[in-house]
PDB file of N, CA and C in Angstrom:
ATOM      1  N   MET A   1       4.252 -58.663 -22.538  1.00  0.00           N
ATOM      2  CA  MET A   1       3.019 -58.199 -21.923  1.00  0.00           C
ATOM      3  C   MET A   1       2.780 -58.978 -20.630  1.00  0.00           C
ATOM      4  N   ILE A   2       2.473 -58.252 -19.606  1.00  0.00           N
ATOM      5  CA  ILE A   2       2.369 -58.855 -18.281  1.00  0.00           C
ATOM      6  C   ILE A   2       1.306 -59.952 -18.217  1.00  0.00           C
ATOM      7  N   GLU A   3       0.208 -59.763 -18.928  1.00  0.00           N
ATOM      8  CA  GLU A   3      -0.864 -60.768 -18.881  1.00  0.00           C
ATOM      9  C   GLU A   3      -0.452 -62.095 -19.512  1.00  0.00           C
ATOM     10  N   LYS A   4       0.599 -62.089 -20.304  1.00  0.00           N
ATOM     11  CA  LYS A   4       1.086 -63.331 -20.912  1.00  0.00           C
ATOM     12  C   LYS A   4       2.159 -64.002 -20.067  1.00  0.00           C
ATOM     13  N   ASP A   5       2.779 -63.247 -19.153  1.00  0.00           N
ATOM     14  CA  ASP A   5       3.871 -63.782 -18.343  1.00  0.00           C
ATOM     15  C   ASP A   5       3.456 -64.185 -16.931  1.00  0.00           C
ATOM     16  N   PHE A   6       2.365 -63.611 -16.431  1.00  0.00           N
ATOM     17  CA  PHE A   6       1.910 -63.936 -15.085  1.00  0.00           C
ATOM     18  C   PHE A   6       0.617 -64.742 -15.149  1.00  0.00           C
ATOM     19  N   LYS A   7       0.545 -65.783 -14.323  1.00  0.00           N
ATOM     20  CA  LYS A   7      -0.635 -66.642 -14.268  1.00  0.00           C
ATOM     21  C   LYS A   7      -1.303 -66.454 -12.908  1.00  0.00           C
ATOM     22  N   ILE A   8      -2.608 -66.342 -12.930  1.00  0.00           N
ATOM     23  CA  ILE A   8      -3.393 -66.213 -11.702  1.00  0.00           C
ATOM     24  C   ILE A   8      -4.152 -67.513 -11.489  1.00  0.00           C
ATOM     25  N   ASP A   9      -3.896 -68.164 -10.370  1.00  0.00           N
ATOM     26  CA  ASP A   9      -4.647 -69.365 -10.003  1.00  0.00           C
ATOM     27  C   ASP A   9      -5.666 -68.926  -8.951  1.00  0.00           C
ATOM     28  N   PHE A  10      -6.891 -68.718  -9.387  1.00  0.00           N
ATOM     29  CA  PHE A  10      -7.935 -68.189  -8.515  1.00  0.00           C
ATOM     30  C   PHE A  10      -8.263 -69.132  -7.360  1.00  0.00           C
ATOM     31  N   LYS A  11      -8.233 -70.430  -7.601  1.00  0.00           N
ATOM     32  CA  LYS A  11      -8.621 -71.394  -6.561  1.00  0.00           C
ATOM     33  C   LYS A  11      -7.576 -71.525  -5.464  1.00  0.00           C
ATOM     34  N   SER A  12      -6.299 -71.570  -5.841  1.00  0.00           N
ATOM     35  CA  SER A  12      -5.253 -71.717  -4.819  1.00  0.00           C
ATOM     36  C   SER A  12      -4.712 -70.368  -4.344  1.00  0.00           C
ATOM     37  N   LYS A  13      -5.228 -69.272  -4.919  1.00  0.00           N
ATOM     38  CA  LYS A  13      -4.815 -67.912  -4.559  1.00  0.00           C
ATOM     39  C   LYS A  13      -3.303 -67.740  -4.724  1.00  0.00           C
ATOM     40  N   ARG A  14      -2.817 -68.095  -5.906  1.00  0.00           N
ATOM     41  CA  ARG A  14      -1.383 -68.020  -6.192  1.00  0.00           C
ATOM     42  C   ARG A  14      -1.134 -67.290  -7.505  1.00  0.00           C
ATOM     43  N   ILE A  15      -0.139 -66.409  -7.482  1.00  0.00           N
ATOM     44  CA  ILE A  15       0.299 -65.680  -8.672  1.00  0.00           C
ATOM     45  C   ILE A  15       1.668 -66.225  -9.049  1.00  0.00           C
ATOM     46  N   SER A  16       1.817 -66.631 -10.298  1.00  0.00           N
ATOM     47  CA  SER A  16       3.062 -67.241 -10.768  1.00  0.00           C
ATOM     48  C   SER A  16       3.582 -66.517 -11.998  1.00  0.00           C
ATOM     49  N   TYR A  17       4.884 -66.642 -12.197  1.00  0.00           N
ATOM     50  CA  TYR A  17       5.532 -66.095 -13.390  1.00  0.00           C
ATOM     51  C   TYR A  17       5.832 -67.261 -14.313  1.00  0.00           C
ATOM     52  N   ILE A  18       5.157 -67.302 -15.446  1.00  0.00           N
ATOM     53  CA  ILE A  18       5.339 -68.364 -16.432  1.00  0.00           C
ATOM     54  C   ILE A  18       5.481 -67.684 -17.789  1.00  0.00           C
ATOM     55  N   PRO A  19       6.701 -67.243 -18.103  1.00  0.00           N
ATOM     56  CA  PRO A  19       6.903 -66.484 -19.339  1.00  0.00           C
ATOM     57  C   PRO A  19       6.856 -67.352 -20.582  1.00  0.00           C
ATOM     58  N   LYS A  20       6.625 -66.692 -21.689  1.00  0.00           N
ATOM     59  CA  LYS A  20       6.744 -67.370 -22.981  1.00  0.00           C
ATOM     60  C   LYS A  20       8.183 -67.854 -23.113  1.00  0.00           C
ATOM     61  N   LYS A  21       8.397 -68.832 -23.938  1.00  0.00           N
ATOM     62  CA  LYS A  21       9.728 -69.418 -24.114  1.00  0.00           C
ATOM     63  C   LYS A  21      10.779 -68.341 -24.401  1.00  0.00           C
ATOM     64  N   GLY A  22      11.809 -68.309 -23.550  1.00  0.00           N
ATOM     65  CA  GLY A  22      12.909 -67.382 -23.747  1.00  0.00           C
ATOM     66  C   GLY A  22      12.696 -65.976 -23.209  1.00  0.00           C
ATOM     67  N   ALA A  23      11.502 -65.648 -22.765  1.00  0.00           N
ATOM     68  CA  ALA A  23      11.220 -64.299 -22.262  1.00  0.00           C
ATOM     69  C   ALA A  23      11.734 -64.147 -20.831  1.00  0.00           C
ATOM     70  N   THR A  24      12.305 -63.008 -20.530  1.00  0.00           N
ATOM     71  CA  THR A  24      12.791 -62.727 -19.174  1.00  0.00           C
ATOM     72  C   THR A  24      12.563 -61.262 -18.816  1.00  0.00           C
ATOM     73  N   GLN A  25      11.430 -60.736 -19.150  1.00  0.00           N
ATOM     74  CA  GLN A  25      11.142 -59.323 -18.915  1.00  0.00           C
ATOM     75  C   GLN A  25      10.844 -59.054 -17.449  1.00  0.00           C
ATOM     76  N   ASP A  26      11.352 -57.921 -16.960  1.00  0.00           N
ATOM     77  CA  ASP A  26      11.016 -57.458 -15.618  1.00  0.00           C
ATOM     78  C   ASP A  26       9.830 -56.504 -15.709  1.00  0.00           C
ATOM     79  N   TYR A  27       9.078 -56.428 -14.622  1.00  0.00           N
ATOM     80  CA  TYR A  27       7.913 -55.551 -14.550  1.00  0.00           C
ATOM     81  C   TYR A  27       7.964 -54.748 -13.266  1.00  0.00           C
ATOM     82  N   LYS A  28       7.359 -53.577 -13.286  1.00  0.00           N
ATOM     83  CA  LYS A  28       7.220 -52.781 -12.073  1.00  0.00           C
ATOM     84  C   LYS A  28       6.094 -53.385 -11.237  1.00  0.00           C
ATOM     85  N   VAL A  29       6.225 -53.247  -9.921  1.00  0.00           N
ATOM     86  CA  VAL A  29       5.178 -53.743  -9.026  1.00  0.00           C
ATOM     87  C   VAL A  29       3.856 -53.055  -9.364  1.00  0.00           C
ATOM     88  N   GLN A  30       3.899 -51.782  -9.723  1.00  0.00           N
ATOM     89  CA  GLN A  30       2.695 -51.041 -10.121  1.00  0.00           C
ATOM     90  C   GLN A  30       2.022 -51.691 -11.327  1.00  0.00           C
ATOM     91  N   GLU A  31       2.811 -52.205 -12.270  1.00  0.00           N
ATOM     92  CA  GLU A  31       2.244 -52.877 -13.445  1.00  0.00           C
ATOM     93  C   GLU A  31       1.491 -54.139 -13.034  1.00  0.00           C
ATOM     94  N   LEU A  32       2.060 -54.897 -12.090  1.00  0.00           N
ATOM     95  CA  LEU A  32       1.372 -56.097 -11.609  1.00  0.00           C
ATOM     96  C   LEU A  32       0.072 -55.704 -10.919  1.00  0.00           C
ATOM     97  N   TYR A  33       0.124 -54.679 -10.083  1.00  0.00           N
ATOM     98  CA  TYR A  33      -1.075 -54.204  -9.387  1.00  0.00           C
ATOM     99  C   TYR A  33      -2.167 -53.806 -10.387  1.00  0.00           C
ATOM    100  N   SER A  34      -1.808 -53.024 -11.387  1.00  0.00           N
ATOM    101  CA  SER A  34      -2.787 -52.585 -12.393  1.00  0.00           C
ATOM    102  C   SER A  34      -3.364 -53.765 -13.161  1.00  0.00           C
ATOM    103  N   PHE A  35      -2.511 -54.703 -13.536  1.00  0.00           N
ATOM    104  CA  PHE A  35      -2.961 -55.910 -14.232  1.00  0.00           C
ATOM    105  C   PHE A  35      -3.951 -56.691 -13.366  1.00  0.00           C
ATOM    106  N   LEU A  36      -3.627 -56.864 -12.093  1.00  0.00           N
ATOM    107  CA  LEU A  36      -4.519 -57.615 -11.206  1.00  0.00           C
ATOM    108  C   LEU A  36      -5.850 -56.895 -11.006  1.00  0.00           C
ATOM    109  N   MET A  37      -5.815 -55.584 -10.814  1.00  0.00           N
ATOM    110  CA  MET A  37      -7.059 -54.839 -10.619  1.00  0.00           C
ATOM    111  C   MET A  37      -7.929 -54.898 -11.874  1.00  0.00           C
ATOM    112  N   ASP A  38      -7.315 -54.815 -13.047  1.00  0.00           N
ATOM    113  CA  ASP A  38      -8.070 -54.938 -14.303  1.00  0.00           C
ATOM    114  C   ASP A  38      -8.678 -56.329 -14.444  1.00  0.00           C
ATOM    115  N   THR A  39      -7.935 -57.339 -14.040  1.00  0.00           N
ATOM    116  CA  THR A  39      -8.410 -58.720 -14.134  1.00  0.00           C
ATOM    117  C   THR A  39      -9.562 -58.969 -13.165  1.00  0.00           C
ATOM    118  N   PHE A  40      -9.420 -58.488 -11.946  1.00  0.00           N
ATOM    119  CA  PHE A  40     -10.413 -58.775 -10.917  1.00  0.00           C
ATOM    120  C   PHE A  40     -11.662 -57.911 -11.017  1.00  0.00           C
ATOM    121  N   ASP A  41     -11.654 -56.880 -11.861  1.00  0.00           N
ATOM    122  CA  ASP A  41     -12.892 -56.113 -12.035  1.00  0.00           C
ATOM    123  C   ASP A  41     -13.723 -56.611 -13.216  1.00  0.00           C
ATOM    124  N   GLU A  42     -13.271 -57.685 -13.845  1.00  0.00           N
ATOM    125  CA  GLU A  42     -14.088 -58.329 -14.882  1.00  0.00           C
ATOM    126  C   GLU A  42     -15.248 -59.057 -14.194  1.00  0.00           C
ATOM    127  N   PRO A  43     -16.454 -59.010 -14.769  1.00  0.00           N
ATOM    128  CA  PRO A  43     -17.624 -59.607 -14.120  1.00  0.00           C
ATOM    129  C   PRO A  43     -17.421 -61.052 -13.655  1.00  0.00           C
ATOM    130  N   GLU A  44     -16.760 -61.865 -14.457  1.00  0.00           N
ATOM    131  CA  GLU A  44     -16.581 -63.278 -14.087  1.00  0.00           C
ATOM    132  C   GLU A  44     -15.576 -63.473 -12.950  1.00  0.00           C
ATOM    133  N   ASN A  45     -14.801 -62.444 -12.624  1.00  0.00           N
ATOM    134  CA  ASN A  45     -13.795 -62.565 -11.568  1.00  0.00           C
ATOM    135  C   ASN A  45     -14.158 -61.822 -10.288  1.00  0.00           C
ATOM    136  N   MET A  46     -15.284 -61.126 -10.288  1.00  0.00           N
ATOM    137  CA  MET A  46     -15.670 -60.335  -9.122  1.00  0.00           C
ATOM    138  C   MET A  46     -16.018 -61.190  -7.910  1.00  0.00           C
ATOM    139  N   LYS A  47     -16.242 -62.461  -8.124  1.00  0.00           N
ATOM    140  CA  LYS A  47     -16.573 -63.352  -7.006  1.00  0.00           C
ATOM    141  C   LYS A  47     -15.341 -63.734  -6.183  1.00  0.00           C
ATOM    142  N   TYR A  48     -14.147 -63.419  -6.693  1.00  0.00           N
ATOM    143  CA  TYR A  48     -12.902 -63.760  -6.012  1.00  0.00           C
ATOM    144  C   TYR A  48     -12.378 -62.574  -5.211  1.00  0.00           C
ATOM    145  N   ASP A  49     -11.683 -62.881  -4.110  1.00  0.00           N
ATOM    146  CA  ASP A  49     -11.042 -61.838  -3.308  1.00  0.00           C
ATOM    147  C   ASP A  49      -9.885 -61.228  -4.088  1.00  0.00           C
ATOM    148  N   ILE A  50      -9.750 -59.907  -4.013  1.00  0.00           N
ATOM    149  CA  ILE A  50      -8.625 -59.257  -4.689  1.00  0.00           C
ATOM    150  C   ILE A  50      -7.322 -59.680  -3.998  1.00  0.00           C
ATOM    151  N   PRO A  51      -6.239 -59.790  -4.768  1.00  0.00           N
ATOM    152  CA  PRO A  51      -4.995 -60.292  -4.195  1.00  0.00           C
ATOM    153  C   PRO A  51      -4.042 -59.235  -3.636  1.00  0.00           C
ATOM    154  N   MET A  52      -4.277 -57.975  -3.953  1.00  0.00           N
ATOM    155  CA  MET A  52      -3.264 -56.967  -3.658  1.00  0.00           C
ATOM    156  C   MET A  52      -3.914 -55.633  -3.347  1.00  0.00           C
ATOM    157  N   GLU A  53      -3.271 -54.867  -2.452  1.00  0.00           N
ATOM    158  CA  GLU A  53      -3.746 -53.515  -2.178  1.00  0.00           C
ATOM    159  C   GLU A  53      -2.572 -52.549  -2.205  1.00  0.00           C
ATOM    160  N   SER A  54      -2.876 -51.308  -2.493  1.00  0.00           N
ATOM    161  CA  SER A  54      -1.868 -50.255  -2.496  1.00  0.00           C
ATOM    162  C   SER A  54      -1.783 -49.677  -1.090  1.00  0.00           C
ATOM    163  N   VAL A  55      -0.584 -49.652  -0.532  1.00  0.00           N
ATOM    164  CA  VAL A  55      -0.368 -49.122   0.811  1.00  0.00           C
ATOM    165  C   VAL A  55       0.017 -47.647   0.726  1.00  0.00           C
ATOM    166  N   SER A  56       0.919 -47.341  -0.179  1.00  0.00           N
ATOM    167  CA  SER A  56       1.346 -45.972  -0.464  1.00  0.00           C
ATOM    168  C   SER A  56       1.996 -45.988  -1.842  1.00  0.00           C
ATOM    169  N   LYS A  57       2.451 -44.848  -2.308  1.00  0.00           N
ATOM    170  CA  LYS A  57       3.049 -44.789  -3.641  1.00  0.00           C
ATOM    171  C   LYS A  57       4.244 -45.750  -3.719  1.00  0.00           C
ATOM    172  N   GLY A  58       4.155 -46.716  -4.616  1.00  0.00           N
ATOM    173  CA  GLY A  58       5.235 -47.678  -4.815  1.00  0.00           C
ATOM    174  C   GLY A  58       5.278 -48.813  -3.818  1.00  0.00           C
ATOM    175  N   LYS A  59       4.345 -48.851  -2.884  1.00  0.00           N
ATOM    176  CA  LYS A  59       4.326 -49.891  -1.852  1.00  0.00           C
ATOM    177  C   LYS A  59       2.983 -50.615  -1.895  1.00  0.00           C
ATOM    178  N   PHE A  60       3.053 -51.935  -2.009  1.00  0.00           N
ATOM    179  CA  PHE A  60       1.857 -52.753  -2.150  1.00  0.00           C
ATOM    180  C   PHE A  60       1.926 -53.931  -1.186  1.00  0.00           C
ATOM    181  N   ARG A  61       0.757 -54.539  -0.941  1.00  0.00           N
ATOM    182  CA  ARG A  61       0.685 -55.670  -0.017  1.00  0.00           C
ATOM    183  C   ARG A  61      -0.242 -56.730  -0.595  1.00  0.00           C
ATOM    184  N   LEU A  62       0.185 -57.982  -0.483  1.00  0.00           N
ATOM    185  CA  LEU A  62      -0.710 -59.086  -0.809  1.00  0.00           C
ATOM    186  C   LEU A  62      -1.740 -59.201   0.306  1.00  0.00           C
ATOM    187  N   VAL A  63      -2.981 -59.475  -0.043  1.00  0.00           N
ATOM    188  CA  VAL A  63      -4.058 -59.569   0.944  1.00  0.00           C
ATOM    189  C   VAL A  63      -4.930 -60.786   0.653  1.00  0.00           C
ATOM    190  N   ASN A  64      -5.816 -61.073   1.581  1.00  0.00           N
ATOM    191  CA  ASN A  64      -6.821 -62.128   1.419  1.00  0.00           C
ATOM    192  C   ASN A  64      -6.220 -63.512   1.186  1.00  0.00           C
ATOM    193  N   GLY A  65      -5.038 -63.755   1.769  1.00  0.00           N
ATOM    194  CA  GLY A  65      -4.428 -65.077   1.680  1.00  0.00           C
ATOM    195  C   GLY A  65      -3.715 -65.383   0.375  1.00  0.00           C
ATOM    196  N   TRP A  66      -3.527 -64.385  -0.478  1.00  0.00           N
ATOM    197  CA  TRP A  66      -2.853 -64.598  -1.758  1.00  0.00           C
ATOM    198  C   TRP A  66      -1.351 -64.723  -1.557  1.00  0.00           C
ATOM    199  N   LYS A  67      -0.722 -65.534  -2.423  1.00  0.00           N
ATOM    200  CA  LYS A  67       0.723 -65.764  -2.418  1.00  0.00           C
ATOM    201  C   LYS A  67       1.268 -65.499  -3.816  1.00  0.00           C
ATOM    202  N   ILE A  68       2.558 -65.194  -3.881  1.00  0.00           N
ATOM    203  CA  ILE A  68       3.238 -65.015  -5.156  1.00  0.00           C
ATOM    204  C   ILE A  68       4.506 -65.855  -5.107  1.00  0.00           C
ATOM    205  N   ASP A  69       4.802 -66.568  -6.177  1.00  0.00           N
ATOM    206  CA  ASP A  69       5.970 -67.450  -6.141  1.00  0.00           C
ATOM    207  C   ASP A  69       7.273 -66.662  -6.266  1.00  0.00           C
ATOM    208  N   GLU A  70       8.370 -67.303  -5.882  1.00  0.00           N
ATOM    209  CA  GLU A  70       9.679 -66.646  -5.872  1.00  0.00           C
ATOM    210  C   GLU A  70      10.107 -66.186  -7.258  1.00  0.00           C
ATOM    211  N   LYS A  71       9.827 -66.987  -8.267  1.00  0.00           N
ATOM    212  CA  LYS A  71      10.195 -66.619  -9.636  1.00  0.00           C
ATOM    213  C   LYS A  71       9.489 -65.322 -10.033  1.00  0.00           C
ATOM    214  N   ALA A  72       8.228 -65.191  -9.638  1.00  0.00           N
ATOM    215  CA  ALA A  72       7.466 -63.971  -9.936  1.00  0.00           C
ATOM    216  C   ALA A  72       8.050 -62.774  -9.188  1.00  0.00           C
ATOM    217  N   LYS A  73       8.391 -62.957  -7.918  1.00  0.00           N
ATOM    218  CA  LYS A  73       8.969 -61.860  -7.127  1.00  0.00           C
ATOM    219  C   LYS A  73      10.246 -61.326  -7.769  1.00  0.00           C
ATOM    220  N   LYS A  74      11.059 -62.228  -8.297  1.00  0.00           N
ATOM    221  CA  LYS A  74      12.332 -61.825  -8.905  1.00  0.00           C
ATOM    222  C   LYS A  74      12.136 -60.987 -10.164  1.00  0.00           C
ATOM    223  N   ARG A  75      10.990 -61.069 -10.800  1.00  0.00           N
ATOM    224  CA  ARG A  75      10.710 -60.318 -12.023  1.00  0.00           C
ATOM    225  C   ARG A  75      10.107 -58.957 -11.720  1.00  0.00           C
ATOM    226  N   LEU A  76       9.856 -58.654 -10.443  1.00  0.00           N
ATOM    227  CA  LEU A  76       9.230 -57.389 -10.055  1.00  0.00           C
ATOM    228  C   LEU A  76      10.269 -56.396  -9.558  1.00  0.00           C
ATOM    229  N   LYS A  77      10.229 -55.204 -10.109  1.00  0.00           N
ATOM    230  CA  LYS A  77      11.177 -54.138  -9.768  1.00  0.00           C
ATOM    231  C   LYS A  77      10.397 -52.852  -9.497  1.00  0.00           C
ATOM    232  N   GLY A  78      11.089 -51.850  -9.017  1.00  0.00           N
ATOM    233  CA  GLY A  78      10.506 -50.515  -8.902  1.00  0.00           C
ATOM    234  C   GLY A  78       9.341 -50.399  -7.955  1.00  0.00           C
ATOM    235  N   GLY A  79       9.464 -50.995  -6.791  1.00  0.00           N
ATOM    236  CA  GLY A  79       8.416 -50.912  -5.789  1.00  0.00           C
ATOM    237  C   GLY A  79       8.597 -52.008  -4.758  1.00  0.00           C
ATOM    238  N   THR A  80       7.732 -52.008  -3.766  1.00  0.00           N
ATOM    239  CA  THR A  80       7.793 -52.984  -2.692  1.00  0.00           C
ATOM    240  C   THR A  80       6.499 -53.783  -2.677  1.00  0.00           C
ATOM    241  N   LEU A  81       6.632 -55.092  -2.513  1.00  0.00           N
ATOM    242  CA  LEU A  81       5.468 -55.964  -2.379  1.00  0.00           C
ATOM    243  C   LEU A  81       5.610 -56.741  -1.085  1.00  0.00           C
ATOM    244  N   GLU A  82       4.772 -56.404  -0.115  1.00  0.00           N
ATOM    245  CA  GLU A  82       4.800 -57.071   1.185  1.00  0.00           C
ATOM    246  C   GLU A  82       3.949 -58.329   1.129  1.00  0.00           C
ATOM    247  N   PRO A  83       4.342 -59.356   1.894  1.00  0.00           N
ATOM    248  CA  PRO A  83       3.533 -60.579   1.927  1.00  0.00           C
ATOM    249  C   PRO A  83       2.234 -60.367   2.698  1.00  0.00           C
ATOM    250  N   THR A  84       1.326 -61.310   2.555  1.00  0.00           N
ATOM    251  CA  THR A  84       0.071 -61.299   3.303  1.00  0.00           C
ATOM    252  C   THR A  84       0.376 -61.364   4.789  1.00  0.00           C
ATOM    253  N   LYS A  85      -0.341 -60.578   5.565  1.00  0.00           N
ATOM    254  CA  LYS A  85      -0.152 -60.612   7.031  1.00  0.00           C
ATOM    255  C   LYS A  85      -1.038 -61.649   7.645  1.00  0.00           C
TER     256      LYS A  85
END
C-alpha cells in the first residue's frame, strides 16, 4: 500500500520512499498523485502547500518547493513526474 511505503515530511517538503522490510513494490505516478491529494485534503493537512499538480494525462509536476528523493523516483512507473520549477 502506497501510504505505508511513502513518507511525507510536511516541514521539509520532502517525499521519501521508506518501504516495509523487504518490500520493493513499484507504483504508478497517478497512484502517488492520488495518495497525496487524499492526504492533503484532510483537515489537519490543509494548512500545507500541495506537493504535486496534474499537467496532462500521465504527466505530473512537483510544485510549491516540494522534492522527492531518488529512491522514491525509482519506484514510480507509468507516467512522468517533473521537478519543481
